[in-house]
């Protein structure tokens, strides 16, 4: 049951950070709260990884690994497409930025892009290392 609650809280924090990613000009207080929420986003994920490692639940670690891979890959694609859309219409740029918000919600929400990317990479590397079945 603990894993279920952690997964629900992780999904909830994703929704909150995704919604806040659409705020274009937050004031200082909201900006600070957005940074904190973006950092808090990785707490349930980290606890899920911890549970997976301590229980030797390789299926859970594989799921989290895949989520990390999808998020990091989609973020890379979205960033490249955003840069390539420089001469495209404003609507194209807006849609691509919305896509970026959805695939990497804590990154856009925090406005400190390197920190959430490091969070995703850390979760991924732990899952890759600890998710290996020992024969």
N, C-alpha and C. Protein backbone atom coordinates (compact mmCIF):
# COMPACT_ATOMS: atom_id res chain seq x y z
N UNK A 1 0.82 -1.20 0.00
CA UNK A 1 0.00 0.00 0.00
C UNK A 1 0.86 1.26 0.00
N UNK A 2 2.03 1.19 0.64
CA UNK A 2 2.90 2.36 0.69
C UNK A 2 3.33 2.76 -0.73
N UNK A 3 3.60 1.78 -1.57
CA UNK A 3 4.01 2.07 -2.95
C UNK A 3 2.88 2.76 -3.69
N UNK A 4 1.68 2.33 -3.46
CA UNK A 4 0.52 2.95 -4.12
C UNK A 4 0.38 4.42 -3.71
N UNK A 5 0.53 4.71 -2.42
CA UNK A 5 0.42 6.09 -1.94
C UNK A 5 1.54 6.96 -2.50
N UNK A 6 2.75 6.41 -2.57
CA UNK A 6 3.87 7.16 -3.13
C UNK A 6 3.64 7.45 -4.61
N UNK A 7 3.13 6.46 -5.33
CA UNK A 7 2.86 6.65 -6.76
C UNK A 7 1.78 7.70 -6.98
N UNK A 8 0.76 7.68 -6.15
CA UNK A 8 -0.31 8.68 -6.27
C UNK A 8 0.22 10.07 -5.94
N UNK A 9 1.04 10.18 -4.92
CA UNK A 9 1.58 11.50 -4.57
C UNK A 9 2.55 11.99 -5.65
N UNK A 10 3.29 11.08 -6.27
CA UNK A 10 4.18 11.46 -7.36
C UNK A 10 3.38 11.97 -8.56
N UNK A 11 2.30 11.27 -8.88
CA UNK A 11 1.43 11.69 -9.97
C UNK A 11 0.76 13.04 -9.65
N UNK A 12 0.35 13.22 -8.41
CA UNK A 12 -0.25 14.49 -8.00
C UNK A 12 0.74 15.64 -8.16
N UNK A 13 1.98 15.43 -7.70
CA UNK A 13 3.00 16.48 -7.83
C UNK A 13 3.33 16.74 -9.30
N UNK A 14 3.25 15.71 -10.14
CA UNK A 14 3.43 15.95 -11.57
C UNK A 14 2.35 16.89 -12.07
N UNK A 15 1.10 16.63 -11.71
CA UNK A 15 -0.01 17.47 -12.15
C UNK A 15 0.13 18.91 -11.67
N UNK A 16 0.55 19.08 -10.42
CA UNK A 16 0.73 20.42 -9.88
C UNK A 16 1.86 21.15 -10.59
N UNK A 17 3.00 20.47 -10.79
CA UNK A 17 4.12 21.13 -11.46
C UNK A 17 3.80 21.40 -12.93
N UNK A 18 3.05 20.51 -13.54
CA UNK A 18 2.65 20.75 -14.94
C UNK A 18 1.74 21.97 -15.03
N UNK A 19 0.78 22.06 -14.13
CA UNK A 19 -0.12 23.23 -14.13
C UNK A 19 0.64 24.51 -13.86
N UNK A 20 1.56 24.48 -12.92
CA UNK A 20 2.33 25.68 -12.60
C UNK A 20 3.33 26.03 -13.70
N UNK A 21 3.68 25.07 -14.52
CA UNK A 21 4.57 25.34 -15.65
C UNK A 21 3.95 26.29 -16.66
N UNK A 22 2.64 26.39 -16.67
CA UNK A 22 1.95 27.28 -17.59
C UNK A 22 1.87 28.72 -17.08
N UNK A 23 2.32 28.96 -15.84
CA UNK A 23 2.35 30.32 -15.30
C UNK A 23 3.52 31.04 -15.96
N UNK A 24 3.22 32.11 -16.68
CA UNK A 24 4.27 32.75 -17.48
C UNK A 24 5.16 33.70 -16.69
N UNK A 25 4.62 34.46 -15.80
CA UNK A 25 5.43 35.44 -15.05
C UNK A 25 5.05 35.39 -13.57
N UNK A 26 5.58 34.40 -12.84
CA UNK A 26 5.22 34.31 -11.43
C UNK A 26 5.93 35.41 -10.62
N UNK A 27 5.26 35.84 -9.56
CA UNK A 27 5.93 36.79 -8.67
C UNK A 27 6.97 36.04 -7.83
N UNK A 28 7.68 36.74 -6.97
CA UNK A 28 8.79 36.13 -6.24
C UNK A 28 8.34 35.01 -5.31
N UNK A 29 7.22 35.21 -4.63
CA UNK A 29 6.73 34.20 -3.69
C UNK A 29 6.29 32.95 -4.45
N UNK A 30 5.52 33.12 -5.51
CA UNK A 30 5.08 31.97 -6.30
C UNK A 30 6.27 31.27 -6.95
N UNK A 31 7.23 32.04 -7.41
CA UNK A 31 8.42 31.45 -8.02
C UNK A 31 9.17 30.58 -7.02
N UNK A 32 9.30 31.05 -5.79
CA UNK A 32 9.95 30.27 -4.74
C UNK A 32 9.17 28.99 -4.46
N UNK A 33 7.85 29.10 -4.38
CA UNK A 33 7.00 27.93 -4.16
C UNK A 33 7.12 26.93 -5.31
N UNK A 34 7.24 27.44 -6.52
CA UNK A 34 7.38 26.57 -7.69
C UNK A 34 8.70 25.81 -7.64
N UNK A 35 9.75 26.48 -7.19
CA UNK A 35 11.05 25.79 -7.06
C UNK A 35 10.95 24.70 -6.00
N UNK A 36 10.34 25.01 -4.87
CA UNK A 36 10.18 24.01 -3.81
C UNK A 36 9.35 22.81 -4.27
N UNK A 37 8.26 23.09 -4.99
CA UNK A 37 7.43 21.99 -5.50
C UNK A 37 8.18 21.14 -6.52
N UNK A 38 9.01 21.77 -7.32
CA UNK A 38 9.80 21.01 -8.29
C UNK A 38 10.81 20.11 -7.60
N UNK A 39 11.37 20.58 -6.52
CA UNK A 39 12.28 19.73 -5.74
C UNK A 39 11.50 18.63 -5.02
N UNK A 40 10.34 18.99 -4.49
CA UNK A 40 9.50 18.00 -3.79
C UNK A 40 9.00 16.92 -4.74
N UNK A 41 8.91 17.24 -6.02
CA UNK A 41 8.45 16.26 -7.01
C UNK A 41 9.31 15.00 -6.97
N UNK A 42 10.58 15.13 -6.69
CA UNK A 42 11.48 13.97 -6.74
C UNK A 42 11.50 13.16 -5.44
N UNK A 43 10.88 13.65 -4.39
CA UNK A 43 10.86 12.92 -3.13
C UNK A 43 10.07 11.61 -3.25
N UNK A 44 8.82 11.61 -3.74
CA UNK A 44 8.12 10.33 -3.88
C UNK A 44 8.82 9.38 -4.85
N UNK A 45 9.38 9.92 -5.92
CA UNK A 45 10.11 9.07 -6.86
C UNK A 45 11.33 8.44 -6.22
N UNK A 46 12.06 9.23 -5.43
CA UNK A 46 13.21 8.70 -4.72
C UNK A 46 12.81 7.65 -3.69
N UNK A 47 11.70 7.89 -3.01
CA UNK A 47 11.22 6.91 -2.03
C UNK A 47 10.74 5.63 -2.73
N UNK A 48 10.15 5.78 -3.91
CA UNK A 48 9.76 4.59 -4.68
C UNK A 48 10.99 3.79 -5.09
N UNK A 49 12.03 4.48 -5.51
CA UNK A 49 13.27 3.78 -5.87
C UNK A 49 13.84 3.09 -4.63
N UNK A 50 13.83 3.78 -3.50
CA UNK A 50 14.31 3.17 -2.26
C UNK A 50 13.52 1.91 -1.91
N UNK A 51 12.20 2.00 -2.03
CA UNK A 51 11.35 0.82 -1.76
C UNK A 51 11.67 -0.31 -2.73
N UNK A 52 11.85 0.05 -4.00
CA UNK A 52 12.18 -0.97 -4.99
C UNK A 52 13.50 -1.65 -4.71
N UNK A 53 14.49 -0.88 -4.29
CA UNK A 53 15.80 -1.45 -3.98
C UNK A 53 15.73 -2.30 -2.73
N UNK A 54 15.09 -1.79 -1.68
CA UNK A 54 15.05 -2.54 -0.42
C UNK A 54 14.22 -3.81 -0.53
N UNK A 55 13.20 -3.81 -1.36
CA UNK A 55 12.36 -5.00 -1.55
C UNK A 55 12.84 -5.89 -2.70
N UNK A 56 13.87 -5.42 -3.37
CA UNK A 56 14.36 -6.10 -4.58
C UNK A 56 13.23 -6.29 -5.59
N UNK A 57 12.45 -5.24 -5.72
CA UNK A 57 11.31 -5.23 -6.65
C UNK A 57 11.81 -4.69 -7.99
N UNK A 58 12.35 -5.59 -8.81
CA UNK A 58 12.94 -5.19 -10.08
C UNK A 58 11.90 -4.67 -11.06
N UNK A 59 10.67 -5.11 -10.91
CA UNK A 59 9.60 -4.61 -11.78
C UNK A 59 9.34 -3.12 -11.51
N UNK A 60 9.30 -2.74 -10.25
CA UNK A 60 9.10 -1.34 -9.88
C UNK A 60 10.26 -0.49 -10.38
N UNK A 61 11.48 -0.97 -10.19
CA UNK A 61 12.65 -0.22 -10.65
C UNK A 61 12.64 -0.07 -12.17
N UNK A 62 12.16 -1.09 -12.86
CA UNK A 62 12.08 -1.02 -14.33
C UNK A 62 11.05 0.02 -14.76
N UNK A 63 9.93 0.08 -14.07
CA UNK A 63 8.90 1.07 -14.38
C UNK A 63 9.43 2.48 -14.18
N UNK A 64 10.09 2.70 -13.05
CA UNK A 64 10.64 4.04 -12.78
C UNK A 64 11.74 4.37 -13.78
N UNK A 65 12.58 3.39 -14.11
CA UNK A 65 13.61 3.59 -15.12
C UNK A 65 13.00 4.03 -16.44
N UNK A 66 11.93 3.37 -16.84
CA UNK A 66 11.26 3.71 -18.10
C UNK A 66 10.64 5.10 -18.05
N UNK A 67 10.06 5.47 -16.92
CA UNK A 67 9.51 6.82 -16.78
C UNK A 67 10.62 7.85 -16.93
N UNK A 68 11.74 7.61 -16.29
CA UNK A 68 12.88 8.54 -16.39
C UNK A 68 13.39 8.64 -17.83
N UNK A 69 13.53 7.49 -18.49
CA UNK A 69 14.01 7.49 -19.87
C UNK A 69 13.05 8.24 -20.80
N UNK A 70 11.76 8.00 -20.61
CA UNK A 70 10.76 8.68 -21.44
C UNK A 70 10.81 10.18 -21.20
N UNK A 71 10.87 10.59 -19.93
CA UNK A 71 10.90 12.02 -19.63
C UNK A 71 12.15 12.68 -20.18
N UNK A 72 13.31 12.08 -19.96
CA UNK A 72 14.56 12.69 -20.43
C UNK A 72 14.63 12.70 -21.96
N UNK A 73 14.19 11.63 -22.60
CA UNK A 73 14.21 11.58 -24.07
C UNK A 73 13.24 12.58 -24.68
N UNK A 74 12.03 12.61 -24.13
CA UNK A 74 11.03 13.54 -24.64
C UNK A 74 11.44 14.98 -24.39
N UNK A 75 12.12 15.24 -23.27
CA UNK A 75 12.62 16.58 -23.00
C UNK A 75 13.66 16.99 -24.03
N UNK A 76 14.56 16.08 -24.34
CA UNK A 76 15.57 16.37 -25.36
C UNK A 76 14.92 16.67 -26.71
N UNK A 77 13.97 15.85 -27.11
CA UNK A 77 13.28 16.06 -28.38
C UNK A 77 12.53 17.39 -28.37
N UNK A 78 11.84 17.68 -27.27
CA UNK A 78 11.07 18.93 -27.18
C UNK A 78 11.99 20.15 -27.23
N UNK A 79 13.12 20.07 -26.56
CA UNK A 79 14.06 21.19 -26.59
C UNK A 79 14.63 21.41 -27.99
N UNK A 80 15.01 20.33 -28.64
CA UNK A 80 15.55 20.45 -30.00
C UNK A 80 14.48 21.02 -30.94
N UNK A 81 13.26 20.50 -30.84
CA UNK A 81 12.19 21.01 -31.69
C UNK A 81 11.90 22.49 -31.41
N UNK A 82 11.97 22.87 -30.13
CA UNK A 82 11.77 24.28 -29.79
C UNK A 82 12.83 25.15 -30.43
N UNK A 83 14.08 24.73 -30.39
CA UNK A 83 15.14 25.52 -31.02
C UNK A 83 15.00 25.54 -32.54
N UNK A 84 14.59 24.42 -33.11
CA UNK A 84 14.44 24.36 -34.56
C UNK A 84 13.23 25.15 -35.05
N UNK A 85 12.29 25.43 -34.16
CA UNK A 85 11.08 26.16 -34.56
C UNK A 85 11.29 27.67 -34.50
N UNK A 86 12.52 28.10 -34.45
CA UNK A 86 12.84 29.52 -34.32
C UNK A 86 12.15 30.37 -35.38
N UNK A 87 12.14 29.90 -36.61
CA UNK A 87 11.53 30.68 -37.69
C UNK A 87 10.10 30.25 -38.00
N UNK A 88 9.56 29.35 -37.22
CA UNK A 88 8.18 28.92 -37.43
C UNK A 88 7.22 29.95 -36.82
N UNK A 89 5.95 29.68 -36.96
CA UNK A 89 4.95 30.61 -36.44
C UNK A 89 4.97 30.62 -34.91
N UNK A 90 4.38 31.65 -34.36
CA UNK A 90 4.29 31.76 -32.90
C UNK A 90 3.45 30.63 -32.33
N UNK A 91 2.42 30.21 -33.05
CA UNK A 91 1.58 29.12 -32.60
C UNK A 91 2.39 27.83 -32.49
N UNK A 92 3.24 27.58 -33.46
CA UNK A 92 4.09 26.38 -33.43
C UNK A 92 5.00 26.41 -32.20
N UNK A 93 5.62 27.55 -31.95
CA UNK A 93 6.48 27.69 -30.78
C UNK A 93 5.72 27.49 -29.48
N UNK A 94 4.52 28.02 -29.42
CA UNK A 94 3.69 27.88 -28.23
C UNK A 94 3.32 26.42 -27.99
N UNK A 95 2.89 25.73 -29.03
CA UNK A 95 2.50 24.33 -28.90
C UNK A 95 3.70 23.47 -28.49
N UNK A 96 4.85 23.73 -29.08
CA UNK A 96 6.04 22.97 -28.72
C UNK A 96 6.46 23.26 -27.27
N UNK A 97 6.29 24.48 -26.82
CA UNK A 97 6.61 24.80 -25.43
C UNK A 97 5.63 24.12 -24.48
N UNK A 98 4.36 24.06 -24.86
CA UNK A 98 3.38 23.34 -24.04
C UNK A 98 3.75 21.86 -23.96
N UNK A 99 4.21 21.30 -25.07
CA UNK A 99 4.67 19.91 -25.08
C UNK A 99 5.84 19.76 -24.11
N UNK A 100 6.77 20.70 -24.12
CA UNK A 100 7.90 20.66 -23.20
C UNK A 100 7.42 20.71 -21.75
N UNK A 101 6.45 21.54 -21.46
CA UNK A 101 5.91 21.62 -20.10
C UNK A 101 5.35 20.27 -19.68
N UNK A 102 4.64 19.62 -20.57
CA UNK A 102 4.01 18.34 -20.22
C UNK A 102 5.01 17.21 -20.05
N UNK A 103 6.08 17.17 -20.85
CA UNK A 103 7.02 16.05 -20.75
C UNK A 103 8.06 16.26 -19.66
N UNK A 104 8.28 17.50 -19.26
CA UNK A 104 9.25 17.76 -18.20
C UNK A 104 8.71 18.83 -17.26
N UNK A 105 7.60 18.51 -16.65
CA UNK A 105 6.90 19.48 -15.80
C UNK A 105 7.76 20.09 -14.70
N UNK A 106 8.50 19.29 -13.92
CA UNK A 106 9.26 19.94 -12.84
C UNK A 106 10.37 20.85 -13.36
N UNK A 107 10.89 20.55 -14.55
CA UNK A 107 11.95 21.38 -15.13
C UNK A 107 11.43 22.77 -15.45
N UNK A 108 10.32 22.85 -16.13
CA UNK A 108 9.77 24.14 -16.53
C UNK A 108 9.22 24.88 -15.31
N UNK A 109 8.61 24.14 -14.41
CA UNK A 109 8.03 24.75 -13.21
C UNK A 109 9.11 25.41 -12.36
N UNK A 110 10.24 24.76 -12.20
CA UNK A 110 11.28 25.29 -11.30
C UNK A 110 12.01 26.49 -11.86
N UNK A 111 12.05 26.61 -13.18
CA UNK A 111 12.77 27.68 -13.86
C UNK A 111 14.28 27.54 -13.67
N UNK A 112 14.72 26.50 -12.99
CA UNK A 112 16.14 26.16 -12.82
C UNK A 112 16.31 24.80 -13.49
N UNK A 113 16.45 24.80 -14.78
CA UNK A 113 16.30 23.57 -15.55
C UNK A 113 17.30 22.49 -15.20
N UNK A 114 18.47 22.83 -14.76
CA UNK A 114 19.50 21.83 -14.50
C UNK A 114 19.16 20.96 -13.28
N UNK A 115 18.50 21.53 -12.29
CA UNK A 115 18.21 20.78 -11.06
C UNK A 115 17.24 19.63 -11.31
N UNK A 116 16.09 19.85 -11.95
CA UNK A 116 15.21 18.71 -12.23
C UNK A 116 15.81 17.71 -13.23
N UNK A 117 16.60 18.19 -14.18
CA UNK A 117 17.26 17.24 -15.09
C UNK A 117 18.22 16.35 -14.31
N UNK A 118 18.90 16.93 -13.33
CA UNK A 118 19.77 16.14 -12.47
C UNK A 118 18.95 15.15 -11.65
N UNK A 119 17.78 15.56 -11.18
CA UNK A 119 16.90 14.66 -10.43
C UNK A 119 16.47 13.47 -11.27
N UNK A 120 16.03 13.73 -12.51
CA UNK A 120 15.66 12.63 -13.41
C UNK A 120 16.84 11.71 -13.66
N UNK A 121 18.00 12.30 -13.93
CA UNK A 121 19.19 11.49 -14.22
C UNK A 121 19.61 10.66 -13.01
N UNK A 122 19.48 11.22 -11.82
CA UNK A 122 19.84 10.48 -10.62
C UNK A 122 18.92 9.28 -10.42
N UNK A 123 17.62 9.51 -10.55
CA UNK A 123 16.67 8.39 -10.44
C UNK A 123 16.98 7.32 -11.49
N UNK A 124 17.27 7.76 -12.71
CA UNK A 124 17.57 6.82 -13.79
C UNK A 124 18.82 6.00 -13.47
N UNK A 125 19.87 6.65 -13.04
CA UNK A 125 21.12 5.93 -12.79
C UNK A 125 20.99 4.95 -11.63
N UNK A 126 20.25 5.32 -10.59
CA UNK A 126 20.04 4.40 -9.48
C UNK A 126 19.24 3.19 -9.95
N UNK A 127 18.21 3.44 -10.75
CA UNK A 127 17.41 2.33 -11.27
C UNK A 127 18.24 1.42 -12.18
N UNK A 128 19.10 2.00 -12.98
CA UNK A 128 19.94 1.19 -13.85
C UNK A 128 20.93 0.35 -13.05
N UNK A 129 21.51 0.94 -12.02
CA UNK A 129 22.51 0.24 -11.23
C UNK A 129 21.88 -0.81 -10.32
N UNK A 130 20.85 -0.42 -9.60
CA UNK A 130 20.25 -1.33 -8.61
C UNK A 130 19.20 -2.25 -9.22
N UNK A 131 18.79 -1.97 -10.44
CA UNK A 131 17.76 -2.78 -11.08
C UNK A 131 18.29 -4.02 -11.77
N UNK A 132 19.58 -4.23 -11.68
CA UNK A 132 20.18 -5.42 -12.29
C UNK A 132 19.92 -6.62 -11.38
N UNK A 133 19.35 -7.65 -11.96
CA UNK A 133 19.13 -8.89 -11.21
C UNK A 133 20.47 -9.60 -11.06
N UNK A 134 20.73 -10.03 -9.82
CA UNK A 134 21.96 -10.76 -9.58
C UNK A 134 21.68 -12.24 -9.73
N UNK A 135 22.42 -12.87 -10.64
CA UNK A 135 22.18 -14.30 -10.89
C UNK A 135 23.07 -15.15 -10.04
